[in-house]
């Protein structure tokens, strides 16, 4: 998704440099939408990954604390 945002941004820059302002505007808008969509998905997955990691870590420590080698 980020790759498509970069491609649309490059198309917008090239179209703007060549004078195709309508194409440049549309490509820039698409690039912005894709970039923010990518950013939102990244943040959601980052938060989910951190939460899952904490849960796994907490579960591991709770199960591990009940076992002692001498008992």
PDB file of N, CA and C in Angstrom:
ATOM      1  N   UNK A   1       0.824  -1.183   0.000  1.00  0.00           N
ATOM      2  CA  UNK A   1       0.000   0.000   0.000  1.00  0.00           C
ATOM      3  C   UNK A   1       0.874   1.255   0.000  1.00  0.00           C
ATOM      4  N   UNK A   2       1.944   1.219   0.800  1.00  0.00           N
ATOM      5  CA  UNK A   2       2.855   2.359   0.816  1.00  0.00           C
ATOM      6  C   UNK A   2       3.518   2.516  -0.548  1.00  0.00           C
ATOM      7  N   UNK A   3       3.793   1.385  -1.199  1.00  0.00           N
ATOM      8  CA  UNK A   3       4.402   1.435  -2.535  1.00  0.00           C
ATOM      9  C   UNK A   3       3.489   2.167  -3.514  1.00  0.00           C
ATOM     10  N   UNK A   4       2.182   1.897  -3.453  1.00  0.00           N
ATOM     11  CA  UNK A   4       1.239   2.576  -4.344  1.00  0.00           C
ATOM     12  C   UNK A   4       1.165   4.071  -4.033  1.00  0.00           C
ATOM     13  N   UNK A   5       1.255   4.428  -2.761  1.00  0.00           N
ATOM     14  CA  UNK A   5       1.241   5.844  -2.395  1.00  0.00           C
ATOM     15  C   UNK A   5       2.467   6.548  -2.972  1.00  0.00           C
ATOM     16  N   UNK A   6       3.624   5.889  -2.906  1.00  0.00           N
ATOM     17  CA  UNK A   6       4.851   6.483  -3.458  1.00  0.00           C
ATOM     18  C   UNK A   6       4.748   6.601  -4.981  1.00  0.00           C
ATOM     19  N   UNK A   7       4.210   5.559  -5.633  1.00  0.00           N
ATOM     20  CA  UNK A   7       4.041   5.604  -7.089  1.00  0.00           C
ATOM     21  C   UNK A   7       3.115   6.747  -7.491  1.00  0.00           C
ATOM     22  N   UNK A   8       2.004   6.917  -6.771  1.00  0.00           N
ATOM     23  CA  UNK A   8       1.073   8.014  -7.091  1.00  0.00           C
ATOM     24  C   UNK A   8       1.718   9.370  -6.844  1.00  0.00           C
ATOM     25  N   UNK A   9       2.539   9.472  -5.802  1.00  0.00           N
ATOM     26  CA  UNK A   9       3.232  10.733  -5.538  1.00  0.00           C
ATOM     27  C   UNK A   9       4.218  11.050  -6.662  1.00  0.00           C
ATOM     28  N   UNK A  10       4.922  10.045  -7.160  1.00  0.00           N
ATOM     29  CA  UNK A  10       5.856  10.258  -8.272  1.00  0.00           C
ATOM     30  C   UNK A  10       5.101  10.658  -9.532  1.00  0.00           C
ATOM     31  N   UNK A  11       3.972  10.008  -9.800  1.00  0.00           N
ATOM     32  CA  UNK A  11       3.150  10.381 -10.958  1.00  0.00           C
ATOM     33  C   UNK A  11       2.678  11.822 -10.826  1.00  0.00           C
ATOM     34  N   UNK A  12       2.282  12.220  -9.612  1.00  0.00           N
ATOM     35  CA  UNK A  12       1.825  13.597  -9.397  1.00  0.00           C
ATOM     36  C   UNK A  12       2.946  14.592  -9.653  1.00  0.00           C
ATOM     37  N   UNK A  13       4.153  14.268  -9.188  1.00  0.00           N
ATOM     38  CA  UNK A  13       5.293  15.178  -9.406  1.00  0.00           C
ATOM     39  C   UNK A  13       5.613  15.282 -10.892  1.00  0.00           C
ATOM     40  N   UNK A  14       5.658  14.141 -11.587  1.00  0.00           N
ATOM     41  CA  UNK A  14       5.957  14.162 -13.014  1.00  0.00           C
ATOM     42  C   UNK A  14       4.869  14.872 -13.812  1.00  0.00           C
ATOM     43  N   UNK A  15       3.615  14.605 -13.493  1.00  0.00           N
ATOM     44  CA  UNK A  15       2.513  15.248 -14.210  1.00  0.00           C
ATOM     45  C   UNK A  15       2.505  16.752 -13.963  1.00  0.00           C
ATOM     46  N   UNK A  16       2.813  17.141 -12.728  1.00  0.00           N
ATOM     47  CA  UNK A  16       2.876  18.570 -12.423  1.00  0.00           C
ATOM     48  C   UNK A  16       4.015  19.250 -13.166  1.00  0.00           C
ATOM     49  N   UNK A  17       5.158  18.569 -13.259  1.00  0.00           N
ATOM     50  CA  UNK A  17       6.308  19.133 -13.977  1.00  0.00           C
ATOM     51  C   UNK A  17       6.025  19.261 -15.465  1.00  0.00           C
ATOM     52  N   UNK A  18       5.218  18.358 -16.020  1.00  0.00           N
ATOM     53  CA  UNK A  18       4.908  18.400 -17.448  1.00  0.00           C
ATOM     54  C   UNK A  18       3.693  19.267 -17.760  1.00  0.00           C
ATOM     55  N   UNK A  19       3.036  19.790 -16.746  1.00  0.00           N
ATOM     56  CA  UNK A  19       1.922  20.700 -16.974  1.00  0.00           C
ATOM     57  C   UNK A  19       0.551  20.059 -16.957  1.00  0.00           C
ATOM     58  N   UNK A  20       0.463  18.796 -16.641  1.00  0.00           N
ATOM     59  CA  UNK A  20      -0.831  18.131 -16.566  1.00  0.00           C
ATOM     60  C   UNK A  20      -1.382  18.314 -15.153  1.00  0.00           C
ATOM     61  N   UNK A  21      -1.914  19.486 -14.888  1.00  0.00           N
ATOM     62  CA  UNK A  21      -2.297  19.826 -13.515  1.00  0.00           C
ATOM     63  C   UNK A  21      -3.463  18.986 -13.000  1.00  0.00           C
ATOM     64  N   UNK A  22      -4.412  18.631 -13.859  1.00  0.00           N
ATOM     65  CA  UNK A  22      -5.547  17.825 -13.412  1.00  0.00           C
ATOM     66  C   UNK A  22      -5.083  16.424 -13.003  1.00  0.00           C
ATOM     67  N   UNK A  23      -4.222  15.839 -13.815  1.00  0.00           N
ATOM     68  CA  UNK A  23      -3.690  14.509 -13.509  1.00  0.00           C
ATOM     69  C   UNK A  23      -2.847  14.576 -12.240  1.00  0.00           C
ATOM     70  N   UNK A  24      -2.053  15.641 -12.106  1.00  0.00           N
ATOM     71  CA  UNK A  24      -1.202  15.795 -10.924  1.00  0.00           C
ATOM     72  C   UNK A  24      -2.050  15.916  -9.662  1.00  0.00           C
ATOM     73  N   UNK A  25      -3.132  16.649  -9.733  1.00  0.00           N
ATOM     74  CA  UNK A  25      -4.010  16.817  -8.578  1.00  0.00           C
ATOM     75  C   UNK A  25      -4.659  15.512  -8.160  1.00  0.00           C
ATOM     76  N   UNK A  26      -5.142  14.759  -9.133  1.00  0.00           N
ATOM     77  CA  UNK A  26      -5.779  13.471  -8.835  1.00  0.00           C
ATOM     78  C   UNK A  26      -4.755  12.497  -8.257  1.00  0.00           C
ATOM     79  N   UNK A  27      -3.580  12.420  -8.872  1.00  0.00           N
ATOM     80  CA  UNK A  27      -2.553  11.496  -8.383  1.00  0.00           C
ATOM     81  C   UNK A  27      -2.093  11.884  -6.978  1.00  0.00           C
ATOM     82  N   UNK A  28      -1.974  13.174  -6.710  1.00  0.00           N
ATOM     83  CA  UNK A  28      -1.562  13.628  -5.382  1.00  0.00           C
ATOM     84  C   UNK A  28      -2.623  13.287  -4.344  1.00  0.00           C
ATOM     85  N   UNK A  29      -3.877  13.438  -4.703  1.00  0.00           N
ATOM     86  CA  UNK A  29      -4.962  13.090  -3.784  1.00  0.00           C
ATOM     87  C   UNK A  29      -4.966  11.595  -3.476  1.00  0.00           C
ATOM     88  N   UNK A  30      -4.788  10.781  -4.511  1.00  0.00           N
ATOM     89  CA  UNK A  30      -4.730   9.330  -4.308  1.00  0.00           C
ATOM     90  C   UNK A  30      -3.543   8.973  -3.421  1.00  0.00           C
ATOM     91  N   UNK A  31      -2.404   9.603  -3.661  1.00  0.00           N
ATOM     92  CA  UNK A  31      -1.209   9.331  -2.859  1.00  0.00           C
ATOM     93  C   UNK A  31      -1.444   9.687  -1.393  1.00  0.00           C
ATOM     94  N   UNK A  32      -2.089  10.806  -1.144  1.00  0.00           N
ATOM     95  CA  UNK A  32      -2.376  11.207   0.241  1.00  0.00           C
ATOM     96  C   UNK A  32      -3.309  10.215   0.922  1.00  0.00           C
ATOM     97  N   UNK A  33      -4.371   9.824   0.220  1.00  0.00           N
ATOM     98  CA  UNK A  33      -5.336   8.883   0.796  1.00  0.00           C
ATOM     99  C   UNK A  33      -4.662   7.559   1.109  1.00  0.00           C
ATOM    100  N   UNK A  34      -3.880   7.032   0.170  1.00  0.00           N
ATOM    101  CA  UNK A  34      -3.201   5.760   0.387  1.00  0.00           C
ATOM    102  C   UNK A  34      -2.184   5.856   1.516  1.00  0.00           C
ATOM    103  N   UNK A  35      -1.469   6.976   1.595  1.00  0.00           N
ATOM    104  CA  UNK A  35      -0.478   7.134   2.650  1.00  0.00           C
ATOM    105  C   UNK A  35      -1.131   7.137   4.025  1.00  0.00           C
ATOM    106  N   UNK A  36      -2.200   7.898   4.194  1.00  0.00           N
ATOM    107  CA  UNK A  36      -2.854   7.954   5.499  1.00  0.00           C
ATOM    108  C   UNK A  36      -3.554   6.642   5.832  1.00  0.00           C
ATOM    109  N   UNK A  37      -4.058   5.943   4.815  1.00  0.00           N
ATOM    110  CA  UNK A  37      -4.637   4.625   5.040  1.00  0.00           C
ATOM    111  C   UNK A  37      -3.553   3.657   5.509  1.00  0.00           C
ATOM    112  N   UNK A  38      -2.383   3.693   4.856  1.00  0.00           N
ATOM    113  CA  UNK A  38      -1.258   2.866   5.275  1.00  0.00           C
ATOM    114  C   UNK A  38      -0.847   3.207   6.700  1.00  0.00           C
ATOM    115  N   UNK A  39      -0.779   4.486   7.013  1.00  0.00           N
ATOM    116  CA  UNK A  39      -0.377   4.927   8.343  1.00  0.00           C
ATOM    117  C   UNK A  39      -1.365   4.443   9.410  1.00  0.00           C
ATOM    118  N   UNK A  40      -2.658   4.520   9.121  1.00  0.00           N
ATOM    119  CA  UNK A  40      -3.671   4.073  10.076  1.00  0.00           C
ATOM    120  C   UNK A  40      -3.575   2.567  10.311  1.00  0.00           C
ATOM    121  N   UNK A  41      -3.411   1.785   9.241  1.00  0.00           N
ATOM    122  CA  UNK A  41      -3.288   0.338   9.378  1.00  0.00           C
ATOM    123  C   UNK A  41      -2.021  -0.008  10.158  1.00  0.00           C
ATOM    124  N   UNK A  42      -0.925   0.707   9.887  1.00  0.00           N
ATOM    125  CA  UNK A  42       0.329   0.472  10.603  1.00  0.00           C
ATOM    126  C   UNK A  42       0.164   0.711  12.097  1.00  0.00           C
ATOM    127  N   UNK A  43      -0.477   1.818  12.475  1.00  0.00           N
ATOM    128  CA  UNK A  43      -0.658   2.141  13.896  1.00  0.00           C
ATOM    129  C   UNK A  43      -1.557   1.107  14.574  1.00  0.00           C
ATOM    130  N   UNK A  44      -2.626   0.698  13.901  1.00  0.00           N
ATOM    131  CA  UNK A  44      -3.533  -0.304  14.469  1.00  0.00           C
ATOM    132  C   UNK A  44      -2.798  -1.626  14.695  1.00  0.00           C
ATOM    133  N   UNK A  45      -2.027  -2.063  13.699  1.00  0.00           N
ATOM    134  CA  UNK A  45      -1.298  -3.319  13.839  1.00  0.00           C
ATOM    135  C   UNK A  45      -0.175  -3.210  14.872  1.00  0.00           C
ATOM    136  N   UNK A  46       0.438  -2.043  14.979  1.00  0.00           N
ATOM    137  CA  UNK A  46       1.475  -1.839  15.981  1.00  0.00           C
ATOM    138  C   UNK A  46       0.893  -1.963  17.389  1.00  0.00           C
ATOM    139  N   UNK A  47      -0.237  -1.323  17.628  1.00  0.00           N
ATOM    140  CA  UNK A  47      -0.889  -1.396  18.935  1.00  0.00           C
ATOM    141  C   UNK A  47      -1.341  -2.828  19.227  1.00  0.00           C
ATOM    142  N   UNK A  48      -1.899  -3.506  18.220  1.00  0.00           N
ATOM    143  CA  UNK A  48      -2.333  -4.895  18.418  1.00  0.00           C
ATOM    144  C   UNK A  48      -1.135  -5.796  18.712  1.00  0.00           C
ATOM    145  N   UNK A  49      -0.024  -5.572  18.027  1.00  0.00           N
ATOM    146  CA  UNK A  49       1.169  -6.373  18.264  1.00  0.00           C
ATOM    147  C   UNK A  49       1.740  -6.158  19.652  1.00  0.00           C
ATOM    148  N   UNK A  50       1.752  -4.925  20.105  1.00  0.00           N
ATOM    149  CA  UNK A  50       2.255  -4.623  21.452  1.00  0.00           C
ATOM    150  C   UNK A  50       1.350  -5.267  22.501  1.00  0.00           C
ATOM    151  N   UNK A  51       0.040  -5.163  22.305  1.00  0.00           N
ATOM    152  CA  UNK A  51      -0.901  -5.756  23.253  1.00  0.00           C
ATOM    153  C   UNK A  51      -0.762  -7.278  23.282  1.00  0.00           C
ATOM    154  N   UNK A  52      -0.623  -7.884  22.122  1.00  0.00           N
ATOM    155  CA  UNK A  52      -0.472  -9.344  22.068  1.00  0.00           C
ATOM    156  C   UNK A  52       0.851  -9.764  22.700  1.00  0.00           C
ATOM    157  N   UNK A  53       1.903  -9.003  22.455  1.00  0.00           N
ATOM    158  CA  UNK A  53       3.201  -9.318  23.049  1.00  0.00           C
ATOM    159  C   UNK A  53       3.169  -9.242  24.559  1.00  0.00           C
ATOM    160  N   UNK A  54       2.487  -8.239  25.096  1.00  0.00           N
ATOM    161  CA  UNK A  54       2.368  -8.109  26.552  1.00  0.00           C
ATOM    162  C   UNK A  54       1.566  -9.267  27.132  1.00  0.00           C
ATOM    163  N   UNK A  55       0.495  -9.652  26.449  1.00  0.00           N
ATOM    164  CA  UNK A  55      -0.325 -10.755  26.937  1.00  0.00           C
ATOM    165  C   UNK A  55       0.472 -12.048  26.931  1.00  0.00           C
ATOM    166  N   UNK A  56       1.207 -12.310  25.872  1.00  0.00           N
ATOM    167  CA  UNK A  56       2.025 -13.529  25.796  1.00  0.00           C
ATOM    168  C   UNK A  56       3.091 -13.502  26.882  1.00  0.00           C
ATOM    169  N   UNK A  57       3.715 -12.352  27.069  1.00  0.00           N
ATOM    170  CA  UNK A  57       4.753 -12.219  28.084  1.00  0.00           C
ATOM    171  C   UNK A  57       4.176 -12.424  29.487  1.00  0.00           C
ATOM    172  N   UNK A  58       3.017 -11.835  29.763  1.00  0.00           N
ATOM    173  CA  UNK A  58       2.381 -11.995  31.067  1.00  0.00           C
ATOM    174  C   UNK A  58       1.964 -13.445  31.308  1.00  0.00           C
ATOM    175  N   UNK A  59       1.400 -14.100  30.292  1.00  0.00           N
ATOM    176  CA  UNK A  59       1.003 -15.499  30.422  1.00  0.00           C
ATOM    177  C   UNK A  59       2.219 -16.380  30.690  1.00  0.00           C
ATOM    178  N   UNK A  60       3.315 -16.112  30.031  1.00  0.00           N
ATOM    179  CA  UNK A  60       4.532 -16.892  30.214  1.00  0.00           C
ATOM    180  C   UNK A  60       5.058 -16.733  31.638  1.00  0.00           C
ATOM    181  N   UNK A  61       5.065 -15.510  32.149  1.00  0.00           N
ATOM    182  CA  UNK A  61       5.578 -15.274  33.490  1.00  0.00           C
ATOM    183  C   UNK A  61       4.661 -15.859  34.568  1.00  0.00           C
ATOM    184  N   UNK A  62       3.346 -15.841  34.357  1.00  0.00           N
ATOM    185  CA  UNK A  62       2.425 -16.408  35.339  1.00  0.00           C
ATOM    186  C   UNK A  62       2.556 -17.918  35.397  1.00  0.00           C
ATOM    187  N   UNK A  63       2.690 -18.559  34.250  1.00  0.00           N
ATOM    188  CA  UNK A  63       2.834 -20.020  34.227  1.00  0.00           C
ATOM    189  C   UNK A  63       4.206 -20.442  34.724  1.00  0.00           C
ATOM    190  N   UNK A  64       5.207 -19.657  34.451  1.00  0.00           N
ATOM    191  CA  UNK A  64       6.580 -19.994  34.834  1.00  0.00           C
ATOM    192  C   UNK A  64       6.805 -19.820  36.327  1.00  0.00           C
ATOM    193  N   UNK A  65       6.109 -18.867  36.959  1.00  0.00           N
ATOM    194  CA  UNK A  65       6.360 -18.571  38.374  1.00  0.00           C
ATOM    195  C   UNK A  65       5.877 -19.682  39.307  1.00  0.00           C
ATOM    196  N   UNK A  66       4.943 -20.536  38.863  1.00  0.00           N
ATOM    197  CA  UNK A  66       4.439 -21.608  39.711  1.00  0.00           C
ATOM    198  C   UNK A  66       5.346 -22.819  39.737  1.00  0.00           C
ATOM    199  N   UNK A  67       6.291 -22.877  38.874  1.00  0.00           N
ATOM    200  CA  UNK A  67       7.184 -24.037  38.814  1.00  0.00           C
ATOM    201  C   UNK A  67       8.495 -23.723  39.502  1.00  0.00           C
ATOM    202  N   UNK A  68       8.880 -24.556  40.421  1.00  0.00           N
ATOM    203  CA  UNK A  68      10.188 -24.371  41.056  1.00  0.00           C
ATOM    204  C   UNK A  68      10.947 -25.689  40.971  1.00  0.00           C
ATOM    205  N   UNK A  69      12.248 -25.629  40.746  1.00  0.00           N
ATOM    206  CA  UNK A  69      13.009 -26.860  40.565  1.00  0.00           C
ATOM    207  C   UNK A  69      13.076 -27.715  41.829  1.00  0.00           C
ATOM    208  N   UNK A  70      12.980 -27.141  43.032  1.00  0.00           N
ATOM    209  CA  UNK A  70      13.142 -27.906  44.261  1.00  0.00           C
ATOM    210  C   UNK A  70      11.876 -28.565  44.760  1.00  0.00           C
ATOM    211  N   UNK A  71      10.714 -28.314  44.177  1.00  0.00           N
ATOM    212  CA  UNK A  71       9.486 -28.854  44.753  1.00  0.00           C
ATOM    213  C   UNK A  71       9.010 -30.118  44.111  1.00  0.00           C
TER     214      UNK A  71
END
